[in-house]
């Protein structure tokens, strides 16, 4: 099992960026529907964490696939 380091680097850069964007978008939308600021903050944080996890897993899988295709 060989992991392509370029894909992992891309995942390390874009996973936090995607999580931040998910947080900003989700928080902006949920503030329109809740009068209390705690609930939108909690929901936006959950969305950001899930986005970070999903992007991290996807980049790891792509890194494994590309690394194994290149090396044999």
PDB file of N, CA and C in Angstrom:
ATOM      1  N   UNK A   1       0.842  -1.186   0.000  1.00  0.00           N
ATOM      2  CA  UNK A   1       0.000   0.000   0.000  1.00  0.00           C
ATOM      3  C   UNK A   1       0.880   1.239   0.000  1.00  0.00           C
ATOM      4  N   UNK A   2       0.863   1.916  -1.112  1.00  0.00           N
ATOM      5  CA  UNK A   2       1.654   3.122  -1.283  1.00  0.00           C
ATOM      6  C   UNK A   2       0.707   4.303  -1.416  1.00  0.00           C
ATOM      7  N   UNK A   3       0.984   5.358  -0.684  1.00  0.00           N
ATOM      8  CA  UNK A   3       0.157   6.559  -0.736  1.00  0.00           C
ATOM      9  C   UNK A   3       0.914   7.637  -1.506  1.00  0.00           C
ATOM     10  N   UNK A   4       0.236   8.249  -2.447  1.00  0.00           N
ATOM     11  CA  UNK A   4       0.837   9.327  -3.216  1.00  0.00           C
ATOM     12  C   UNK A   4       0.915  10.584  -2.334  1.00  0.00           C
ATOM     13  N   UNK A   5       2.102  11.103  -2.058  1.00  0.00           N
ATOM     14  CA  UNK A   5       2.234  12.243  -1.141  1.00  0.00           C
ATOM     15  C   UNK A   5       1.640  13.544  -1.699  1.00  0.00           C
ATOM     16  N   UNK A   6       1.590  13.693  -3.014  1.00  0.00           N
ATOM     17  CA  UNK A   6       1.006  14.907  -3.603  1.00  0.00           C
ATOM     18  C   UNK A   6      -0.484  14.987  -3.281  1.00  0.00           C
ATOM     19  N   UNK A   7      -1.167  13.862  -3.406  1.00  0.00           N
ATOM     20  CA  UNK A   7      -2.605  13.837  -3.123  1.00  0.00           C
ATOM     21  C   UNK A   7      -2.852  14.095  -1.643  1.00  0.00           C
ATOM     22  N   UNK A   8      -2.015  13.552  -0.787  1.00  0.00           N
ATOM     23  CA  UNK A   8      -2.170  13.821   0.647  1.00  0.00           C
ATOM     24  C   UNK A   8      -1.929  15.291   0.973  1.00  0.00           C
ATOM     25  N   UNK A   9      -0.965  15.897   0.304  1.00  0.00           N
ATOM     26  CA  UNK A   9      -0.711  17.325   0.506  1.00  0.00           C
ATOM     27  C   UNK A   9      -1.919  18.152   0.066  1.00  0.00           C
ATOM     28  N   UNK A  10      -2.489  17.772  -1.063  1.00  0.00           N
ATOM     29  CA  UNK A  10      -3.698  18.466  -1.528  1.00  0.00           C
ATOM     30  C   UNK A  10      -4.829  18.286  -0.517  1.00  0.00           C
ATOM     31  N   UNK A  11      -4.959  17.077   0.037  1.00  0.00           N
ATOM     32  CA  UNK A  11      -5.991  16.828   1.040  1.00  0.00           C
ATOM     33  C   UNK A  11      -5.768  17.627   2.312  1.00  0.00           C
ATOM     34  N   UNK A  12      -4.508  17.763   2.709  1.00  0.00           N
ATOM     35  CA  UNK A  12      -4.186  18.537   3.916  1.00  0.00           C
ATOM     36  C   UNK A  12      -4.514  20.016   3.713  1.00  0.00           C
ATOM     37  N   UNK A  13      -4.365  20.492   2.494  1.00  0.00           N
ATOM     38  CA  UNK A  13      -4.663  21.900   2.211  1.00  0.00           C
ATOM     39  C   UNK A  13      -6.163  22.124   2.060  1.00  0.00           C
ATOM     40  N   UNK A  14      -6.832  21.259   1.294  1.00  0.00           N
ATOM     41  CA  UNK A  14      -8.221  21.523   0.943  1.00  0.00           C
ATOM     42  C   UNK A  14      -9.245  21.007   1.944  1.00  0.00           C
ATOM     43  N   UNK A  15      -8.908  20.041   2.784  1.00  0.00           N
ATOM     44  CA  UNK A  15      -9.863  19.562   3.788  1.00  0.00           C
ATOM     45  C   UNK A  15     -10.201  20.664   4.804  1.00  0.00           C
ATOM     46  N   UNK A  16      -9.213  21.371   5.373  1.00  0.00           N
ATOM     47  CA  UNK A  16      -9.583  22.470   6.278  1.00  0.00           C
ATOM     48  C   UNK A  16     -10.291  23.624   5.562  1.00  0.00           C
ATOM     49  N   UNK A  17      -9.909  23.872   4.311  1.00  0.00           N
ATOM     50  CA  UNK A  17     -10.571  24.927   3.547  1.00  0.00           C
ATOM     51  C   UNK A  17     -12.037  24.573   3.308  1.00  0.00           C
ATOM     52  N   UNK A  18     -12.297  23.324   2.937  1.00  0.00           N
ATOM     53  CA  UNK A  18     -13.677  22.880   2.736  1.00  0.00           C
ATOM     54  C   UNK A  18     -14.463  22.932   4.040  1.00  0.00           C
ATOM     55  N   UNK A  19     -13.834  22.562   5.139  1.00  0.00           N
ATOM     56  CA  UNK A  19     -14.510  22.606   6.439  1.00  0.00           C
ATOM     57  C   UNK A  19     -14.853  24.045   6.829  1.00  0.00           C
ATOM     58  N   UNK A  20     -13.933  24.963   6.579  1.00  0.00           N
ATOM     59  CA  UNK A  20     -14.195  26.372   6.897  1.00  0.00           C
ATOM     60  C   UNK A  20     -15.336  26.916   6.045  1.00  0.00           C
ATOM     61  N   UNK A  21     -15.348  26.558   4.775  1.00  0.00           N
ATOM     62  CA  UNK A  21     -16.422  27.029   3.901  1.00  0.00           C
ATOM     63  C   UNK A  21     -17.764  26.427   4.315  1.00  0.00           C
ATOM     64  N   UNK A  22     -17.759  25.144   4.695  1.00  0.00           N
ATOM     65  CA  UNK A  22     -18.997  24.513   5.165  1.00  0.00           C
ATOM     66  C   UNK A  22     -19.501  25.200   6.427  1.00  0.00           C
ATOM     67  N   UNK A  23     -18.578  25.562   7.324  1.00  0.00           N
ATOM     68  CA  UNK A  23     -18.973  26.251   8.551  1.00  0.00           C
ATOM     69  C   UNK A  23     -19.594  27.607   8.232  1.00  0.00           C
ATOM     70  N   UNK A  24     -18.938  28.371   7.370  1.00  0.00           N
ATOM     71  CA  UNK A  24     -19.430  29.717   7.036  1.00  0.00           C
ATOM     72  C   UNK A  24     -20.796  29.660   6.366  1.00  0.00           C
ATOM     73  N   UNK A  25     -20.951  28.762   5.402  1.00  0.00           N
ATOM     74  CA  UNK A  25     -22.222  28.661   4.683  1.00  0.00           C
ATOM     75  C   UNK A  25     -23.335  28.172   5.606  1.00  0.00           C
ATOM     76  N   UNK A  26     -23.048  27.121   6.383  1.00  0.00           N
ATOM     77  CA  UNK A  26     -24.067  26.559   7.267  1.00  0.00           C
ATOM     78  C   UNK A  26     -24.454  27.547   8.358  1.00  0.00           C
ATOM     79  N   UNK A  27     -23.477  28.214   8.933  1.00  0.00           N
ATOM     80  CA  UNK A  27     -23.779  29.189   9.987  1.00  0.00           C
ATOM     81  C   UNK A  27     -24.606  30.348   9.427  1.00  0.00           C
ATOM     82  N   UNK A  28     -24.235  30.813   8.249  1.00  0.00           N
ATOM     83  CA  UNK A  28     -24.984  31.905   7.627  1.00  0.00           C
ATOM     84  C   UNK A  28     -26.431  31.542   7.350  1.00  0.00           C
ATOM     85  N   UNK A  29     -26.653  30.307   6.921  1.00  0.00           N
ATOM     86  CA  UNK A  29     -28.026  29.878   6.637  1.00  0.00           C
ATOM     87  C   UNK A  29     -28.832  29.645   7.915  1.00  0.00           C
ATOM     88  N   UNK A  30     -28.218  28.996   8.896  1.00  0.00           N
ATOM     89  CA  UNK A  30     -28.961  28.675  10.114  1.00  0.00           C
ATOM     90  C   UNK A  30     -29.240  29.905  10.981  1.00  0.00           C
ATOM     91  N   UNK A  31     -28.464  30.961  10.861  1.00  0.00           N
ATOM     92  CA  UNK A  31     -28.767  32.154  11.652  1.00  0.00           C
ATOM     93  C   UNK A  31     -30.077  32.811  11.212  1.00  0.00           C
ATOM     94  N   UNK A  32     -30.508  32.523   9.997  1.00  0.00           N
ATOM     95  CA  UNK A  32     -31.793  33.056   9.527  1.00  0.00           C
ATOM     96  C   UNK A  32     -32.973  32.309  10.142  1.00  0.00           C
ATOM     97  N   UNK A  33     -32.750  31.080  10.610  1.00  0.00           N
ATOM     98  CA  UNK A  33     -33.844  30.241  11.075  1.00  0.00           C
ATOM     99  C   UNK A  33     -33.917  30.105  12.602  1.00  0.00           C
ATOM    100  N   UNK A  34     -32.883  30.508  13.308  1.00  0.00           N
ATOM    101  CA  UNK A  34     -32.864  30.408  14.770  1.00  0.00           C
ATOM    102  C   UNK A  34     -32.629  31.791  15.371  1.00  0.00           C
ATOM    103  N   UNK A  35     -33.369  32.090  16.434  1.00  0.00           N
ATOM    104  CA  UNK A  35     -33.145  33.366  17.114  1.00  0.00           C
ATOM    105  C   UNK A  35     -31.951  33.265  18.070  1.00  0.00           C
ATOM    106  N   UNK A  36     -31.744  32.074  18.618  1.00  0.00           N
ATOM    107  CA  UNK A  36     -30.608  31.827  19.506  1.00  0.00           C
ATOM    108  C   UNK A  36     -29.366  31.541  18.661  1.00  0.00           C
ATOM    109  N   UNK A  37     -28.222  32.072  19.051  1.00  0.00           N
ATOM    110  CA  UNK A  37     -26.988  31.892  18.275  1.00  0.00           C
ATOM    111  C   UNK A  37     -26.239  30.602  18.626  1.00  0.00           C
ATOM    112  N   UNK A  38     -26.645  29.930  19.726  1.00  0.00           N
ATOM    113  CA  UNK A  38     -25.940  28.703  20.116  1.00  0.00           C
ATOM    114  C   UNK A  38     -26.220  27.550  19.160  1.00  0.00           C
ATOM    115  N   UNK A  39     -27.469  27.386  18.775  1.00  0.00           N
ATOM    116  CA  UNK A  39     -27.835  26.253  17.927  1.00  0.00           C
ATOM    117  C   UNK A  39     -27.187  26.348  16.539  1.00  0.00           C
ATOM    118  N   UNK A  40     -27.225  27.498  15.864  1.00  0.00           N
ATOM    119  CA  UNK A  40     -26.536  27.567  14.563  1.00  0.00           C
ATOM    120  C   UNK A  40     -25.038  27.311  14.675  1.00  0.00           C
ATOM    121  N   UNK A  41     -24.430  27.771  15.763  1.00  0.00           N
ATOM    122  CA  UNK A  41     -23.002  27.555  15.971  1.00  0.00           C
ATOM    123  C   UNK A  41     -22.702  26.062  16.138  1.00  0.00           C
ATOM    124  N   UNK A  42     -23.543  25.367  16.893  1.00  0.00           N
ATOM    125  CA  UNK A  42     -23.367  23.923  17.092  1.00  0.00           C
ATOM    126  C   UNK A  42     -23.555  23.168  15.789  1.00  0.00           C
ATOM    127  N   UNK A  43     -24.603  23.485  15.052  1.00  0.00           N
ATOM    128  CA  UNK A  43     -24.873  22.786  13.799  1.00  0.00           C
ATOM    129  C   UNK A  43     -23.799  23.073  12.748  1.00  0.00           C
ATOM    130  N   UNK A  44     -23.323  24.300  12.688  1.00  0.00           N
ATOM    131  CA  UNK A  44     -22.274  24.651  11.735  1.00  0.00           C
ATOM    132  C   UNK A  44     -20.956  23.963  12.086  1.00  0.00           C
ATOM    133  N   UNK A  45     -20.670  23.835  13.376  1.00  0.00           N
ATOM    134  CA  UNK A  45     -19.462  23.134  13.795  1.00  0.00           C
ATOM    135  C   UNK A  45     -19.534  21.656  13.431  1.00  0.00           C
ATOM    136  N   UNK A  46     -20.694  21.050  13.627  1.00  0.00           N
ATOM    137  CA  UNK A  46     -20.872  19.648  13.241  1.00  0.00           C
ATOM    138  C   UNK A  46     -20.688  19.466  11.739  1.00  0.00           C
ATOM    139  N   UNK A  47     -21.243  20.381  10.953  1.00  0.00           N
ATOM    140  CA  UNK A  47     -21.093  20.295   9.499  1.00  0.00           C
ATOM    141  C   UNK A  47     -19.633  20.447   9.090  1.00  0.00           C
ATOM    142  N   UNK A  48     -18.919  21.338   9.744  1.00  0.00           N
ATOM    143  CA  UNK A  48     -17.506  21.542   9.423  1.00  0.00           C
ATOM    144  C   UNK A  48     -16.675  20.315   9.777  1.00  0.00           C
ATOM    145  N   UNK A  49     -16.950  19.704  10.909  1.00  0.00           N
ATOM    146  CA  UNK A  49     -16.205  18.511  11.312  1.00  0.00           C
ATOM    147  C   UNK A  49     -16.469  17.361  10.350  1.00  0.00           C
ATOM    148  N   UNK A  50     -17.729  17.158   9.980  1.00  0.00           N
ATOM    149  CA  UNK A  50     -18.055  16.087   9.039  1.00  0.00           C
ATOM    150  C   UNK A  50     -17.424  16.337   7.670  1.00  0.00           C
ATOM    151  N   UNK A  51     -17.429  17.578   7.227  1.00  0.00           N
ATOM    152  CA  UNK A  51     -16.808  17.908   5.944  1.00  0.00           C
ATOM    153  C   UNK A  51     -15.314  17.633   5.988  1.00  0.00           C
ATOM    154  N   UNK A  52     -14.661  17.995   7.077  1.00  0.00           N
ATOM    155  CA  UNK A  52     -13.234  17.738   7.226  1.00  0.00           C
ATOM    156  C   UNK A  52     -12.937  16.237   7.185  1.00  0.00           C
ATOM    157  N   UNK A  53     -13.748  15.455   7.889  1.00  0.00           N
ATOM    158  CA  UNK A  53     -13.547  14.005   7.924  1.00  0.00           C
ATOM    159  C   UNK A  53     -13.750  13.398   6.539  1.00  0.00           C
ATOM    160  N   UNK A  54     -14.824  13.790   5.859  1.00  0.00           N
ATOM    161  CA  UNK A  54     -15.119  13.238   4.538  1.00  0.00           C
ATOM    162  C   UNK A  54     -14.015  13.599   3.543  1.00  0.00           C
ATOM    163  N   UNK A  55     -13.594  14.845   3.516  1.00  0.00           N
ATOM    164  CA  UNK A  55     -12.533  15.246   2.594  1.00  0.00           C
ATOM    165  C   UNK A  55     -11.216  14.546   2.935  1.00  0.00           C
ATOM    166  N   UNK A  56     -10.936  14.351   4.208  1.00  0.00           N
ATOM    167  CA  UNK A  56      -9.730  13.635   4.601  1.00  0.00           C
ATOM    168  C   UNK A  56      -9.754  12.186   4.139  1.00  0.00           C
ATOM    169  N   UNK A  57     -10.892  11.519   4.311  1.00  0.00           N
ATOM    170  CA  UNK A  57     -11.017  10.131   3.878  1.00  0.00           C
ATOM    171  C   UNK A  57     -10.927  10.025   2.360  1.00  0.00           C
ATOM    172  N   UNK A  58     -11.598  10.922   1.658  1.00  0.00           N
ATOM    173  CA  UNK A  58     -11.552  10.895   0.193  1.00  0.00           C
ATOM    174  C   UNK A  58     -10.132  11.105  -0.306  1.00  0.00           C
ATOM    175  N   UNK A  59      -9.407  12.053   0.274  1.00  0.00           N
ATOM    176  CA  UNK A  59      -8.032  12.291  -0.187  1.00  0.00           C
ATOM    177  C   UNK A  59      -7.130  11.101   0.140  1.00  0.00           C
ATOM    178  N   UNK A  60      -7.361  10.435   1.258  1.00  0.00           N
ATOM    179  CA  UNK A  60      -6.576   9.249   1.595  1.00  0.00           C
ATOM    180  C   UNK A  60      -6.856   8.111   0.612  1.00  0.00           C
ATOM    181  N   UNK A  61      -8.115   7.895   0.291  1.00  0.00           N
ATOM    182  CA  UNK A  61      -8.472   6.830  -0.648  1.00  0.00           C
ATOM    183  C   UNK A  61      -7.911   7.124  -2.034  1.00  0.00           C
ATOM    184  N   UNK A  62      -8.053   8.359  -2.493  1.00  0.00           N
ATOM    185  CA  UNK A  62      -7.508   8.722  -3.804  1.00  0.00           C
ATOM    186  C   UNK A  62      -5.990   8.582  -3.806  1.00  0.00           C
ATOM    187  N   UNK A  63      -5.349   8.970  -2.724  1.00  0.00           N
ATOM    188  CA  UNK A  63      -3.904   8.810  -2.615  1.00  0.00           C
ATOM    189  C   UNK A  63      -3.480   7.354  -2.687  1.00  0.00           C
ATOM    190  N   UNK A  64      -4.238   6.472  -2.039  1.00  0.00           N
ATOM    191  CA  UNK A  64      -3.933   5.047  -2.096  1.00  0.00           C
ATOM    192  C   UNK A  64      -4.132   4.490  -3.506  1.00  0.00           C
ATOM    193  N   UNK A  65      -5.237   4.865  -4.140  1.00  0.00           N
ATOM    194  CA  UNK A  65      -5.530   4.362  -5.486  1.00  0.00           C
ATOM    195  C   UNK A  65      -4.474   4.827  -6.480  1.00  0.00           C
ATOM    196  N   UNK A  66      -4.165   6.100  -6.470  1.00  0.00           N
ATOM    197  CA  UNK A  66      -3.162   6.627  -7.405  1.00  0.00           C
ATOM    198  C   UNK A  66      -1.775   6.062  -7.101  1.00  0.00           C
ATOM    199  N   UNK A  67      -1.433   5.954  -5.831  1.00  0.00           N
ATOM    200  CA  UNK A  67      -0.145   5.407  -5.459  1.00  0.00           C
ATOM    201  C   UNK A  67       0.019   3.963  -5.896  1.00  0.00           C
ATOM    202  N   UNK A  68      -1.048   3.168  -5.764  1.00  0.00           N
ATOM    203  CA  UNK A  68      -0.978   1.770  -6.186  1.00  0.00           C
ATOM    204  C   UNK A  68      -1.010   1.636  -7.704  1.00  0.00           C
ATOM    205  N   UNK A  69      -1.684   2.539  -8.398  1.00  0.00           N
ATOM    206  CA  UNK A  69      -1.705   2.488  -9.863  1.00  0.00           C
ATOM    207  C   UNK A  69      -0.323   2.832 -10.435  1.00  0.00           C
ATOM    208  N   UNK A  70       0.336   3.800  -9.838  1.00  0.00           N
ATOM    209  CA  UNK A  70       1.647   4.233 -10.336  1.00  0.00           C
ATOM    210  C   UNK A  70       2.708   3.179 -10.050  1.00  0.00           C
ATOM    211  N   UNK A  71       2.670   2.600  -8.862  1.00  0.00           N
ATOM    212  CA  UNK A  71       3.719   1.662  -8.456  1.00  0.00           C
ATOM    213  C   UNK A  71       3.425   0.213  -8.806  1.00  0.00           C
ATOM    214  N   UNK A  72       2.303  -0.036  -9.394  1.00  0.00           N
ATOM    215  CA  UNK A  72       2.196  -1.388  -9.833  1.00  0.00           C
ATOM    216  C   UNK A  72       0.975  -2.131  -9.689  1.00  0.00           C
TER     217      UNK A  72
END
